Amino acid sequence: MSRAVRPRLLLAVLSGIVLVLLALSLLVGPAGLSLPQALGGLIAPGGEATAMVMREIRLPRAILAAMVGASLGLSGAALQGYLRNPLAEPGLIGVSGMAALGAVVALQTGLAASFALALPLMGLGGALLAVLALLLLAGPHGGSLGLILAGIAISALAGAATAMVLNLSPNPFAAVEIIFWTLGSVADRSFHHVALAAPFMIAGWAVLLTLGRGLDALTLGEDAAAGLGLSLGRLRLLLVLGVAASVGAATAVAGAIGFVGLVVPHLLRPLVGARPAALLPAAALGGAAVLLAADLGVRLIVPERDLKLGVLTALVGAPFFLHLVWRMRGQGL
């Protein structure tokens, strides 16, 4: 099989897996609907209970899981390609931490209770602040190391501020709500959340998917890439904006969900010949498939309890991370 056909075949297989998981996501839930009932609820007019369950609960949840997973997978692949670091993931540059902090402030101040979309809007505001701080700290001509250090500093600051809000919270109910939100979930989301996050996610995808040729050139090294006419400053700016838009929006509506952006690119990289340009779309589809499968898992493993999506991805992703570190240790890296 030629290398030109192989990525297309992989994308076709991943697209099929995503469609199957989307269909399963619409069929699985506590309502116990049969296949004819579920299909009828999606297409039948009227506001009966079945239609409400399918259109207002399951459909936006499935769409949001796929979009969040795609954002995390694509962003992780782009960051690993730019930083040439196999341990890079979307939380590295601090956008997800600041988005989470914005949402935590909305919960603590009561804005989320008075205005339904205050939580995701504050999350997006936090992501915007992270981008501004990141570009300011890293500088206009800073390299990948400056980006990493600035991201670590922003993540640490966001984590400390979130912990302080929890520590000083006079309302125990708000503190519990904050803790549960930071665990990550796409349950109880509506099409309002989808409509709010979708423009930012799609814009982020559009930016990141254009970086493939630049990331391919960067595999030769920064000096060689610059010699080929690649503008490293422009590449970095587009990378930061794309990751911030997609991951910031994902965190704003779904909370903090880890390890997807780290694990998915590693699983798919051997299948695309380690080419960043081919990995980007594959990682987006792979991330969507992984998060849809994880969301099905939280409904099937302990259906009587509210197992959070971020908890399950961490339980599965952490052993993979440890295996990756052990393998790198064995290679002397």
C-alpha atoms as a PDB file:
ATOM      1  CA  MET A   1       0.000   0.000   0.000  1.00  0.00           C
ATOM      2  CA  SER A   2       1.454   3.375  -1.005  1.00  0.00           C
ATOM      3  CA  ARG A   3       2.102   6.064   1.556  1.00  0.00           C
ATOM      4  CA  ALA A   4      -0.328   8.350  -0.308  1.00  0.00           C
ATOM      5  CA  VAL A   5      -3.211   5.924   0.098  1.00  0.00           C
ATOM      6  CA  ARG A   6      -2.498   4.905   3.654  1.00  0.00           C
ATOM      7  CA  PRO A   7      -3.493   8.191   5.378  1.00  0.00           C
ATOM      8  CA  ARG A   8      -6.702   8.376   3.328  1.00  0.00           C
ATOM      9  CA  LEU A   9      -7.617   4.844   4.353  1.00  0.00           C
ATOM     10  CA  LEU A  10      -6.900   5.672   7.987  1.00  0.00           C
ATOM     11  CA  LEU A  11      -9.112   8.763   7.797  1.00  0.00           C
ATOM     12  CA  ALA A  12     -11.903   6.712   6.229  1.00  0.00           C
ATOM     13  CA  VAL A  13     -11.666   4.082   8.983  1.00  0.00           C
ATOM     14  CA  LEU A  14     -11.578   6.709  11.739  1.00  0.00           C
ATOM     15  CA  SER A  15     -14.555   8.524  10.197  1.00  0.00           C
ATOM     16  CA  GLY A  16     -16.513   5.264  10.204  1.00  0.00           C
ATOM     17  CA  ILE A  17     -15.619   4.641  13.857  1.00  0.00           C
ATOM     18  CA  VAL A  18     -16.742   8.156  14.811  1.00  0.00           C
ATOM     19  CA  LEU A  19     -20.083   7.695  13.018  1.00  0.00           C
ATOM     20  CA  VAL A  20     -20.679   4.348  14.736  1.00  0.00           C
ATOM     21  CA  LEU A  21     -19.849   5.807  18.147  1.00  0.00           C
ATOM     22  CA  LEU A  22     -22.118   8.793  17.475  1.00  0.00           C
ATOM     23  CA  ALA A  23     -24.975   6.406  16.707  1.00  0.00           C
ATOM     24  CA  LEU A  24     -24.268   4.362  19.852  1.00  0.00           C
ATOM     25  CA  SER A  25     -24.128   7.544  21.913  1.00  0.00           C
ATOM     26  CA  LEU A  26     -27.660   8.371  20.789  1.00  0.00           C
ATOM     27  CA  LEU A  27     -28.914   4.909  21.766  1.00  0.00           C
ATOM     28  CA  VAL A  28     -27.343   4.539  25.228  1.00  0.00           C
ATOM     29  CA  GLY A  29     -28.850   6.219  28.273  1.00  0.00           C
ATOM     30  CA  PRO A  30     -30.971   5.773  31.375  1.00  0.00           C
ATOM     31  CA  ALA A  31     -34.213   6.297  29.435  1.00  0.00           C
ATOM     32  CA  GLY A  32     -33.906   2.811  27.941  1.00  0.00           C
ATOM     33  CA  LEU A  33     -35.231   3.703  24.494  1.00  0.00           C
ATOM     34  CA  SER A  34     -35.318   1.098  21.755  1.00  0.00           C
ATOM     35  CA  LEU A  35     -33.804   1.737  18.333  1.00  0.00           C
ATOM     36  CA  PRO A  36     -37.166   2.567  16.679  1.00  0.00           C
ATOM     37  CA  GLN A  37     -38.073   4.874  19.573  1.00  0.00           C
ATOM     38  CA  ALA A  38     -34.714   6.649  19.410  1.00  0.00           C
ATOM     39  CA  LEU A  39     -34.932   7.162  15.652  1.00  0.00           C
ATOM     40  CA  GLY A  40     -38.514   8.314  15.970  1.00  0.00           C
ATOM     41  CA  GLY A  41     -37.571  10.800  18.648  1.00  0.00           C
ATOM     42  CA  LEU A  42     -34.955  12.326  16.353  1.00  0.00           C
ATOM     43  CA  ILE A  43     -37.124  12.775  13.285  1.00  0.00           C
ATOM     44  CA  ALA A  44     -40.697  12.921  14.588  1.00  0.00           C
ATOM     45  CA  PRO A  45     -42.248  16.372  15.055  1.00  0.00           C
ATOM     46  CA  GLY A  46     -43.677  17.420  18.386  1.00  0.00           C
ATOM     47  CA  GLY A  47     -42.427  17.850  21.929  1.00  0.00           C
ATOM     48  CA  GLU A  48     -43.172  14.450  23.460  1.00  0.00           C
ATOM     49  CA  ALA A  49     -40.834  12.973  26.052  1.00  0.00           C
ATOM     50  CA  THR A  50     -38.899  10.760  23.628  1.00  0.00           C
ATOM     51  CA  ALA A  51     -38.203  13.650  21.277  1.00  0.00           C
ATOM     52  CA  MET A  52     -37.067  15.802  24.195  1.00  0.00           C
ATOM     53  CA  VAL A  53     -34.657  13.103  25.404  1.00  0.00           C
ATOM     54  CA  MET A  54     -33.147  12.605  21.960  1.00  0.00           C
ATOM     55  CA  ARG A  55     -32.968  16.213  20.760  1.00  0.00           C
ATOM     56  CA  GLU A  56     -32.289  18.101  23.970  1.00  0.00           C
ATOM     57  CA  ILE A  57     -30.152  15.616  25.922  1.00  0.00           C
ATOM     58  CA  ARG A  58     -28.507  12.883  23.865  1.00  0.00           C
ATOM     59  CA  LEU A  59     -27.903  14.665  20.546  1.00  0.00           C
ATOM     60  CA  PRO A  60     -26.116  17.757  21.931  1.00  0.00           C
ATOM     61  CA  ARG A  61     -24.137  15.532  24.313  1.00  0.00           C
ATOM     62  CA  ALA A  62     -22.929  13.337  21.443  1.00  0.00           C
ATOM     63  CA  ILE A  63     -22.074  16.308  19.218  1.00  0.00           C
ATOM     64  CA  LEU A  64     -20.227  18.072  22.010  1.00  0.00           C
ATOM     65  CA  ALA A  65     -18.233  14.945  22.941  1.00  0.00           C
ATOM     66  CA  ALA A  66     -17.091  14.560  19.339  1.00  0.00           C
ATOM     67  CA  MET A  67     -16.179  18.243  19.024  1.00  0.00           C
ATOM     68  CA  VAL A  68     -14.301  18.390  22.325  1.00  0.00           C
ATOM     69  CA  GLY A  69     -12.400  15.192  21.502  1.00  0.00           C
ATOM     70  CA  ALA A  70     -11.487  16.498  18.052  1.00  0.00           C
ATOM     71  CA  SER A  71     -10.220  19.750  19.569  1.00  0.00           C
ATOM     72  CA  LEU A  72      -8.047  17.966  22.126  1.00  0.00           C
ATOM     73  CA  GLY A  73      -6.635  15.407  19.681  1.00  0.00           C
ATOM     74  CA  LEU A  74      -5.860  17.967  16.973  1.00  0.00           C
ATOM     75  CA  SER A  75      -4.307  20.428  19.428  1.00  0.00           C
ATOM     76  CA  GLY A  76      -2.156  17.732  20.992  1.00  0.00           C
ATOM     77  CA  ALA A  77      -0.829  16.632  17.603  1.00  0.00           C
ATOM     78  CA  ALA A  78      -0.079  20.233  16.582  1.00  0.00           C
ATOM     79  CA  LEU A  79       1.747  21.009  19.835  1.00  0.00           C
ATOM     80  CA  GLN A  80       3.802  17.821  19.706  1.00  0.00           C
ATOM     81  CA  GLY A  81       4.747  18.620  16.113  1.00  0.00           C
ATOM     82  CA  TYR A  82       5.752  22.204  16.844  1.00  0.00           C
ATOM     83  CA  LEU A  83       7.586  21.541  20.107  1.00  0.00           C
ATOM     84  CA  ARG A  84       9.006  18.219  18.845  1.00  0.00           C
ATOM     85  CA  ASN A  85       8.222  16.895  22.293  1.00  0.00           C
ATOM     86  CA  PRO A  86       6.258  13.635  22.669  1.00  0.00           C
ATOM     87  CA  LEU A  87       4.981  14.723  26.089  1.00  0.00           C
ATOM     88  CA  ALA A  88       3.380  17.964  24.877  1.00  0.00           C
ATOM     89  CA  GLU A  89      -0.392  18.231  25.295  1.00  0.00           C
ATOM     90  CA  PRO A  90      -3.017  21.025  25.186  1.00  0.00           C
ATOM     91  CA  GLY A  91      -2.739  21.894  28.862  1.00  0.00           C
ATOM     92  CA  LEU A  92       0.957  22.664  28.468  1.00  0.00           C
ATOM     93  CA  ILE A  93       0.473  26.262  27.304  1.00  0.00           C
ATOM     94  CA  GLY A  94      -1.956  27.160  30.092  1.00  0.00           C
ATOM     95  CA  VAL A  95      -5.074  27.794  28.006  1.00  0.00           C
ATOM     96  CA  SER A  96      -7.156  25.023  29.571  1.00  0.00           C
ATOM     97  CA  GLY A  97      -6.108  26.061  33.085  1.00  0.00           C
ATOM     98  CA  MET A  98      -7.107  29.676  32.529  1.00  0.00           C
ATOM     99  CA  ALA A  99     -10.377  28.645  30.882  1.00  0.00           C
ATOM    100  CA  ALA A 100     -11.117  26.484  33.899  1.00  0.00           C
ATOM    101  CA  LEU A 101     -10.286  29.402  36.208  1.00  0.00           C
ATOM    102  CA  GLY A 102     -12.738  31.640  34.363  1.00  0.00           C
ATOM    103  CA  ALA A 103     -15.473  29.058  34.765  1.00  0.00           C
ATOM    104  CA  VAL A 104     -14.619  28.598  38.456  1.00  0.00           C
ATOM    105  CA  VAL A 105     -14.977  32.346  39.030  1.00  0.00           C
ATOM    106  CA  ALA A 106     -18.393  32.223  37.341  1.00  0.00           C
ATOM    107  CA  LEU A 107     -19.482  29.435  39.689  1.00  0.00           C
ATOM    108  CA  GLN A 108     -18.078  31.060  42.808  1.00  0.00           C
ATOM    109  CA  THR A 109     -19.563  34.505  42.167  1.00  0.00           C
ATOM    110  CA  GLY A 110     -23.002  33.128  41.338  1.00  0.00           C
ATOM    111  CA  LEU A 111     -22.957  34.325  37.730  1.00  0.00           C
ATOM    112  CA  ALA A 112     -23.470  30.774  36.497  1.00  0.00           C
ATOM    113  CA  ALA A 113     -26.659  30.484  38.558  1.00  0.00           C
ATOM    114  CA  SER A 114     -28.125  33.760  37.330  1.00  0.00           C
ATOM    115  CA  PHE A 115     -27.153  33.391  33.666  1.00  0.00           C
ATOM    116  CA  ALA A 116     -26.945  29.938  32.071  1.00  0.00           C
ATOM    117  CA  LEU A 117     -24.190  30.801  29.599  1.00  0.00           C
ATOM    118  CA  ALA A 118     -22.071  32.790  32.038  1.00  0.00           C
ATOM    119  CA  LEU A 119     -19.939  29.739  32.807  1.00  0.00           C
ATOM    120  CA  PRO A 120     -18.781  29.005  29.224  1.00  0.00           C
ATOM    121  CA  LEU A 121     -18.454  32.717  28.454  1.00  0.00           C
ATOM    122  CA  MET A 122     -16.193  33.237  31.463  1.00  0.00           C
ATOM    123  CA  GLY A 123     -14.241  30.154  30.401  1.00  0.00           C
ATOM    124  CA  LEU A 124     -13.680  31.646  26.965  1.00  0.00           C
ATOM    125  CA  GLY A 125     -12.625  34.902  28.605  1.00  0.00           C
ATOM    126  CA  GLY A 126     -10.054  33.019  30.668  1.00  0.00           C
ATOM    127  CA  ALA A 127      -8.706  31.357  27.513  1.00  0.00           C
ATOM    128  CA  LEU A 128      -8.372  34.786  25.864  1.00  0.00           C
ATOM    129  CA  LEU A 129      -6.414  36.095  28.841  1.00  0.00           C
ATOM    130  CA  ALA A 130      -4.142  33.048  28.614  1.00  0.00           C
ATOM    131  CA  VAL A 131      -3.383  33.803  24.958  1.00  0.00           C
ATOM    132  CA  LEU A 132      -2.531  37.424  25.703  1.00  0.00           C
ATOM    133  CA  ALA A 133      -0.309  36.462  28.637  1.00  0.00           C
ATOM    134  CA  LEU A 134       1.356  33.694  26.639  1.00  0.00           C
ATOM    135  CA  LEU A 135       2.235  35.959  23.720  1.00  0.00           C
ATOM    136  CA  LEU A 136       3.439  38.676  26.103  1.00  0.00           C
ATOM    137  CA  LEU A 137       5.626  36.337  28.164  1.00  0.00           C
ATOM    138  CA  ALA A 138       7.038  34.332  25.273  1.00  0.00           C
ATOM    139  CA  GLY A 139       7.829  37.465  23.264  1.00  0.00           C
ATOM    140  CA  PRO A 140       7.457  38.031  19.534  1.00  0.00           C
ATOM    141  CA  HIS A 141      10.665  36.169  18.646  1.00  0.00           C
ATOM    142  CA  GLY A 142      10.769  33.557  21.375  1.00  0.00           C
ATOM    143  CA  GLY A 143      11.340  29.908  20.507  1.00  0.00           C
ATOM    144  CA  SER A 144       9.651  26.727  21.599  1.00  0.00           C
ATOM    145  CA  LEU A 145      11.408  26.752  24.983  1.00  0.00           C
ATOM    146  CA  GLY A 146      10.034  30.220  25.757  1.00  0.00           C
ATOM    147  CA  LEU A 147       6.554  29.017  24.828  1.00  0.00           C
ATOM    148  CA  ILE A 148       6.841  26.017  27.134  1.00  0.00           C
ATOM    149  CA  LEU A 149       8.137  28.063  30.075  1.00  0.00           C
ATOM    150  CA  ALA A 150       5.450  30.713  29.623  1.00  0.00           C
ATOM    151  CA  GLY A 151       2.763  28.027  29.432  1.00  0.00           C
ATOM    152  CA  ILE A 152       4.012  26.320  32.589  1.00  0.00           C
ATOM    153  CA  ALA A 153       3.978  29.640  34.438  1.00  0.00           C
ATOM    154  CA  ILE A 154       0.418  30.427  33.298  1.00  0.00           C
ATOM    155  CA  SER A 155      -0.773  26.908  34.189  1.00  0.00           C
ATOM    156  CA  ALA A 156       0.773  27.183  37.657  1.00  0.00           C
ATOM    157  CA  LEU A 157      -0.828  30.578  38.219  1.00  0.00           C
ATOM    158  CA  ALA A 158      -4.233  29.343  37.053  1.00  0.00           C
ATOM    159  CA  GLY A 159      -3.983  26.268  39.278  1.00  0.00           C
ATOM    160  CA  ALA A 160      -2.997  28.339  42.284  1.00  0.00           C
ATOM    161  CA  ALA A 161      -5.842  30.816  41.714  1.00  0.00           C
ATOM    162  CA  THR A 162      -8.350  27.986  41.344  1.00  0.00           C
ATOM    163  CA  ALA A 163      -7.116  26.410  44.582  1.00  0.00           C
ATOM    164  CA  MET A 164      -7.383  29.770  46.352  1.00  0.00           C
ATOM    165  CA  VAL A 165     -10.987  30.202  45.192  1.00  0.00           C
ATOM    166  CA  LEU A 166     -11.821  26.764  46.562  1.00  0.00           C
ATOM    167  CA  ASN A 167      -9.924  27.415  49.793  1.00  0.00           C
ATOM    168  CA  LEU A 168     -11.658  30.729  50.495  1.00  0.00           C
ATOM    169  CA  SER A 169     -15.112  29.748  49.270  1.00  0.00           C
ATOM    170  CA  PRO A 170     -17.674  30.507  52.003  1.00  0.00           C
ATOM    171  CA  ASN A 171     -20.304  28.416  50.224  1.00  0.00           C
ATOM    172  CA  PRO A 172     -19.694  24.652  50.504  1.00  0.00           C
ATOM    173  CA  PHE A 173     -22.265  23.970  47.784  1.00  0.00           C
ATOM    174  CA  ALA A 174     -20.408  26.226  45.343  1.00  0.00           C
ATOM    175  CA  ALA A 175     -17.135  24.492  46.246  1.00  0.00           C
ATOM    176  CA  VAL A 176     -18.627  21.083  45.521  1.00  0.00           C
ATOM    177  CA  GLU A 177     -20.031  22.327  42.231  1.00  0.00           C
ATOM    178  CA  ILE A 178     -16.627  23.711  41.274  1.00  0.00           C
ATOM    179  CA  ILE A 179     -14.896  20.430  42.073  1.00  0.00           C
ATOM    180  CA  PHE A 180     -17.384  18.414  40.043  1.00  0.00           C
ATOM    181  CA  TRP A 181     -17.142  20.814  37.111  1.00  0.00           C
ATOM    182  CA  THR A 182     -13.342  20.647  37.009  1.00  0.00           C
ATOM    183  CA  LEU A 183     -13.570  16.844  36.667  1.00  0.00           C
ATOM    184  CA  GLY A 184     -14.925  17.294  33.137  1.00  0.00           C
ATOM    185  CA  SER A 185     -18.203  16.145  31.603  1.00  0.00           C
ATOM    186  CA  VAL A 186     -20.475  16.644  28.599  1.00  0.00           C
ATOM    187  CA  ALA A 187     -23.598  15.549  30.463  1.00  0.00           C
ATOM    188  CA  ASP A 188     -26.471  18.012  30.874  1.00  0.00           C
ATOM    189  CA  ARG A 189     -25.232  20.198  28.026  1.00  0.00           C
ATOM    190  CA  SER A 190     -27.637  21.738  25.535  1.00  0.00           C
ATOM    191  CA  PHE A 191     -27.485  23.092  22.007  1.00  0.00           C
ATOM    192  CA  HIS A 192     -26.815  26.502  23.564  1.00  0.00           C
ATOM    193  CA  HIS A 193     -23.423  25.174  24.655  1.00  0.00           C
ATOM    194  CA  VAL A 194     -22.833  23.628  21.239  1.00  0.00           C
ATOM    195  CA  ALA A 195     -23.727  26.874  19.464  1.00  0.00           C
ATOM    196  CA  LEU A 196     -21.486  28.895  21.780  1.00  0.00           C
ATOM    197  CA  ALA A 197     -18.422  26.675  21.474  1.00  0.00           C
ATOM    198  CA  ALA A 198     -18.727  25.536  17.848  1.00  0.00           C
ATOM    199  CA  PRO A 199     -17.585  28.771  16.138  1.00  0.00           C
ATOM    200  CA  PHE A 200     -14.418  28.942  18.263  1.00  0.00           C
ATOM    201  CA  MET A 201     -13.652  25.237  17.839  1.00  0.00           C
ATOM    202  CA  ILE A 202     -14.203  25.288  14.083  1.00  0.00           C
ATOM    203  CA  ALA A 203     -12.053  28.402  13.732  1.00  0.00           C
ATOM    204  CA  GLY A 204      -9.317  26.707  15.771  1.00  0.00           C
ATOM    205  CA  TRP A 205      -9.504  23.562  13.620  1.00  0.00           C
ATOM    206  CA  ALA A 206      -9.293  25.625  10.438  1.00  0.00           C
ATOM    207  CA  VAL A 207      -6.142  27.363  11.688  1.00  0.00           C
ATOM    208  CA  LEU A 208      -4.415  24.223  12.994  1.00  0.00           C
ATOM    209  CA  LEU A 209      -5.097  22.152   9.875  1.00  0.00           C
ATOM    210  CA  THR A 210      -3.240  24.714   7.776  1.00  0.00           C
ATOM    211  CA  LEU A 211      -0.017  24.183   9.751  1.00  0.00           C
ATOM    212  CA  GLY A 212       0.785  20.745   8.350  1.00  0.00           C
ATOM    213  CA  ARG A 213       3.412  21.772   5.801  1.00  0.00           C
ATOM    214  CA  GLY A 214       5.130  24.063   8.300  1.00  0.00           C
ATOM    215  CA  LEU A 215       5.240  21.304  10.924  1.00  0.00           C
ATOM    216  CA  ASP A 216       6.625  18.879   8.329  1.00  0.00           C
ATOM    217  CA  ALA A 217       9.404  21.366   7.556  1.00  0.00           C
ATOM    218  CA  LEU A 218      10.071  21.829  11.258  1.00  0.00           C
ATOM    219  CA  THR A 219      10.974  18.143  11.598  1.00  0.00           C
ATOM    220  CA  LEU A 220      14.235  19.074   9.833  1.00  0.00           C
ATOM    221  CA  GLY A 221      15.057  21.547  12.618  1.00  0.00           C
ATOM    222  CA  GLU A 222      14.335  25.240  13.095  1.00  0.00           C
ATOM    223  CA  ASP A 223      17.346  26.434  11.101  1.00  0.00           C
ATOM    224  CA  ALA A 224      16.576  24.179   8.155  1.00  0.00           C
ATOM    225  CA  ALA A 225      12.893  25.129   8.245  1.00  0.00           C
ATOM    226  CA  ALA A 226      13.757  28.823   8.288  1.00  0.00           C
ATOM    227  CA  GLY A 227      16.098  28.219   5.357  1.00  0.00           C
ATOM    228  CA  LEU A 228      13.152  26.756   3.428  1.00  0.00           C
ATOM    229  CA  GLY A 229      11.264  30.017   3.902  1.00  0.00           C
ATOM    230  CA  LEU A 230       9.161  29.042   6.931  1.00  0.00           C
ATOM    231  CA  SER A 231       8.268  31.936   9.238  1.00  0.00           C
ATOM    232  CA  LEU A 232       8.647  30.452  12.718  1.00  0.00           C
ATOM    233  CA  GLY A 233       7.038  33.464  14.370  1.00  0.00           C
ATOM    234  CA  ARG A 234       3.933  33.223  12.194  1.00  0.00           C
ATOM    235  CA  LEU A 235       3.754  29.460  12.729  1.00  0.00           C
ATOM    236  CA  ARG A 236       3.918  29.887  16.493  1.00  0.00           C
ATOM    237  CA  LEU A 237       1.278  32.638  16.489  1.00  0.00           C
ATOM    238  CA  LEU A 238      -1.139  30.548  14.434  1.00  0.00           C
ATOM    239  CA  LEU A 239      -0.468  27.529  16.645  1.00  0.00           C
ATOM    240  CA  VAL A 240      -1.224  29.445  19.839  1.00  0.00           C
ATOM    241  CA  LEU A 241      -4.376  31.011  18.396  1.00  0.00           C
ATOM    242  CA  GLY A 242      -5.643  27.702  17.015  1.00  0.00           C
ATOM    243  CA  VAL A 243      -5.033  25.785  20.232  1.00  0.00           C
ATOM    244  CA  ALA A 244      -6.487  28.583  22.344  1.00  0.00           C
ATOM    245  CA  ALA A 245      -9.675  28.842  20.295  1.00  0.00           C
ATOM    246  CA  SER A 246     -10.380  25.110  20.150  1.00  0.00           C
ATOM    247  CA  VAL A 247      -9.156  23.968  23.582  1.00  0.00           C
ATOM    248  CA  GLY A 248     -10.385  27.118  25.337  1.00  0.00           C
ATOM    249  CA  ALA A 249     -13.883  26.587  23.955  1.00  0.00           C
ATOM    250  CA  ALA A 250     -13.761  22.877  24.789  1.00  0.00           C
ATOM    251  CA  THR A 251     -12.720  23.548  28.386  1.00  0.00           C
ATOM    252  CA  ALA A 252     -15.287  26.306  28.724  1.00  0.00           C
ATOM    253  CA  VAL A 253     -18.198  23.984  27.976  1.00  0.00           C
ATOM    254  CA  ALA A 254     -16.915  20.590  29.177  1.00  0.00           C
ATOM    255  CA  GLY A 255     -14.447  21.290  31.970  1.00  0.00           C
ATOM    256  CA  ALA A 256     -10.916  19.936  32.223  1.00  0.00           C
ATOM    257  CA  ILE A 257     -10.469  16.661  30.318  1.00  0.00           C
ATOM    258  CA  GLY A 258      -6.918  15.406  30.228  1.00  0.00           C
ATOM    259  CA  PHE A 259      -4.752  12.860  28.410  1.00  0.00           C
ATOM    260  CA  VAL A 260      -6.771  12.786  25.162  1.00  0.00           C
ATOM    261  CA  GLY A 261      -4.436  15.274  23.490  1.00  0.00           C
ATOM    262  CA  LEU A 262      -1.417  13.333  24.765  1.00  0.00           C
ATOM    263  CA  VAL A 263      -2.477   9.759  24.024  1.00  0.00           C
ATOM    264  CA  VAL A 264      -4.286  10.013  20.674  1.00  0.00           C
ATOM    265  CA  PRO A 265      -1.356  11.427  18.620  1.00  0.00           C
ATOM    266  CA  HIS A 266       0.934   8.698  19.970  1.00  0.00           C
ATOM    267  CA  LEU A 267      -1.516   5.968  19.028  1.00  0.00           C
ATOM    268  CA  LEU A 268      -1.906   7.245  15.469  1.00  0.00           C
ATOM    269  CA  ARG A 269       1.596   8.533  14.680  1.00  0.00           C
ATOM    270  CA  PRO A 270       3.005   5.120  13.604  1.00  0.00           C
ATOM    271  CA  LEU A 271       0.099   4.721  11.188  1.00  0.00           C
ATOM    272  CA  VAL A 272       0.853   7.912   9.258  1.00  0.00           C
ATOM    273  CA  GLY A 273       4.610   7.587   8.980  1.00  0.00           C
ATOM    274  CA  ALA A 274       5.267  10.183  11.699  1.00  0.00           C
ATOM    275  CA  ARG A 275       4.322  13.027   9.308  1.00  0.00           C
ATOM    276  CA  PRO A 276       2.691  15.909  11.241  1.00  0.00           C
ATOM    277  CA  ALA A 277       0.644  17.001   8.209  1.00  0.00           C
ATOM    278  CA  ALA A 278      -0.954  13.555   7.955  1.00  0.00           C
ATOM    279  CA  LEU A 279      -1.289  13.215  11.717  1.00  0.00           C
ATOM    280  CA  LEU A 280      -3.342  16.395  12.259  1.00  0.00           C
ATOM    281  CA  PRO A 281      -6.666  15.284  10.674  1.00  0.00           C
ATOM    282  CA  ALA A 282      -6.187  11.731  11.934  1.00  0.00           C
ATOM    283  CA  ALA A 283      -5.686  12.989  15.504  1.00  0.00           C
ATOM    284  CA  ALA A 284      -8.828  15.109  15.259  1.00  0.00           C
ATOM    285  CA  LEU A 285     -10.936  12.091  14.251  1.00  0.00           C
ATOM    286  CA  GLY A 286      -9.140   9.874  16.755  1.00  0.00           C
ATOM    287  CA  GLY A 287      -9.782  12.345  19.565  1.00  0.00           C
ATOM    288  CA  ALA A 288     -13.463  12.479  18.656  1.00  0.00           C
ATOM    289  CA  ALA A 289     -13.654   8.672  18.689  1.00  0.00           C
ATOM    290  CA  VAL A 290     -11.819   8.363  22.020  1.00  0.00           C
ATOM    291  CA  LEU A 291     -13.992  10.906  23.816  1.00  0.00           C
ATOM    292  CA  LEU A 292     -17.217   9.458  22.382  1.00  0.00           C
ATOM    293  CA  ALA A 293     -16.108   6.022  23.596  1.00  0.00           C
ATOM    294  CA  ALA A 294     -15.193   7.439  27.015  1.00  0.00           C
ATOM    295  CA  ASP A 295     -18.569   9.164  27.280  1.00  0.00           C
ATOM    296  CA  LEU A 296     -20.252   5.853  26.503  1.00  0.00           C
ATOM    297  CA  GLY A 297     -18.070   4.289  29.185  1.00  0.00           C
ATOM    298  CA  VAL A 298     -19.191   6.675  31.922  1.00  0.00           C
ATOM    299  CA  ARG A 299     -22.789   5.710  31.148  1.00  0.00           C
ATOM    300  CA  LEU A 300     -22.160   1.955  31.065  1.00  0.00           C
ATOM    301  CA  ILE A 301     -19.565   1.328  33.803  1.00  0.00           C
ATOM    302  CA  VAL A 302     -21.532   2.717  36.757  1.00  0.00           C
ATOM    303  CA  PRO A 303     -24.852   3.893  35.309  1.00  0.00           C
ATOM    304  CA  GLU A 304     -26.319   4.590  38.743  1.00  0.00           C
ATOM    305  CA  ARG A 305     -23.483   7.003  39.647  1.00  0.00           C
ATOM    306  CA  ASP A 306     -22.265  10.175  37.977  1.00  0.00           C
ATOM    307  CA  LEU A 307     -18.798   9.082  36.865  1.00  0.00           C
ATOM    308  CA  LYS A 308     -17.095  12.104  35.339  1.00  0.00           C
ATOM    309  CA  LEU A 309     -15.580  12.003  31.873  1.00  0.00           C
ATOM    310  CA  GLY A 310     -12.273  13.536  32.940  1.00  0.00           C
ATOM    311  CA  VAL A 311     -11.858  10.886  35.639  1.00  0.00           C
ATOM    312  CA  LEU A 312     -12.242   8.045  33.146  1.00  0.00           C
ATOM    313  CA  THR A 313      -9.843   9.572  30.601  1.00  0.00           C
ATOM    314  CA  ALA A 314      -7.274  10.049  33.372  1.00  0.00           C
ATOM    315  CA  LEU A 315      -7.664   6.449  34.577  1.00  0.00           C
ATOM    316  CA  VAL A 316      -7.053   5.177  31.060  1.00  0.00           C
ATOM    317  CA  GLY A 317      -4.528   7.795  29.954  1.00  0.00           C
ATOM    318  CA  ALA A 318      -2.249   7.808  33.017  1.00  0.00           C
ATOM    319  CA  PRO A 319      -1.028   4.193  32.551  1.00  0.00           C
ATOM    320  CA  PHE A 320      -0.317   4.973  28.898  1.00  0.00           C
ATOM    321  CA  PHE A 321       1.639   8.049  29.965  1.00  0.00           C
ATOM    322  CA  LEU A 322       3.685   5.963  32.401  1.00  0.00           C
ATOM    323  CA  HIS A 323       4.338   3.391  29.675  1.00  0.00           C
ATOM    324  CA  LEU A 324       5.508   6.170  27.359  1.00  0.00           C
ATOM    325  CA  VAL A 325       7.892   7.563  29.978  1.00  0.00           C
ATOM    326  CA  TRP A 326       9.247   4.065  30.677  1.00  0.00           C
ATOM    327  CA  ARG A 327       9.823   3.433  26.969  1.00  0.00           C
ATOM    328  CA  MET A 328      11.636   6.744  26.588  1.00  0.00           C
ATOM    329  CA  ARG A 329      13.762   5.879  29.622  1.00  0.00           C
ATOM    330  CA  GLY A 330      14.701   2.617  27.975  1.00  0.00           C
ATOM    331  CA  GLN A 331      15.794   4.524  24.873  1.00  0.00           C
ATOM    332  CA  GLY A 332      17.974   6.813  26.970  1.00  0.00           C
ATOM    333  CA  LEU A 333      15.817   9.911  26.310  1.00  0.00           C
END
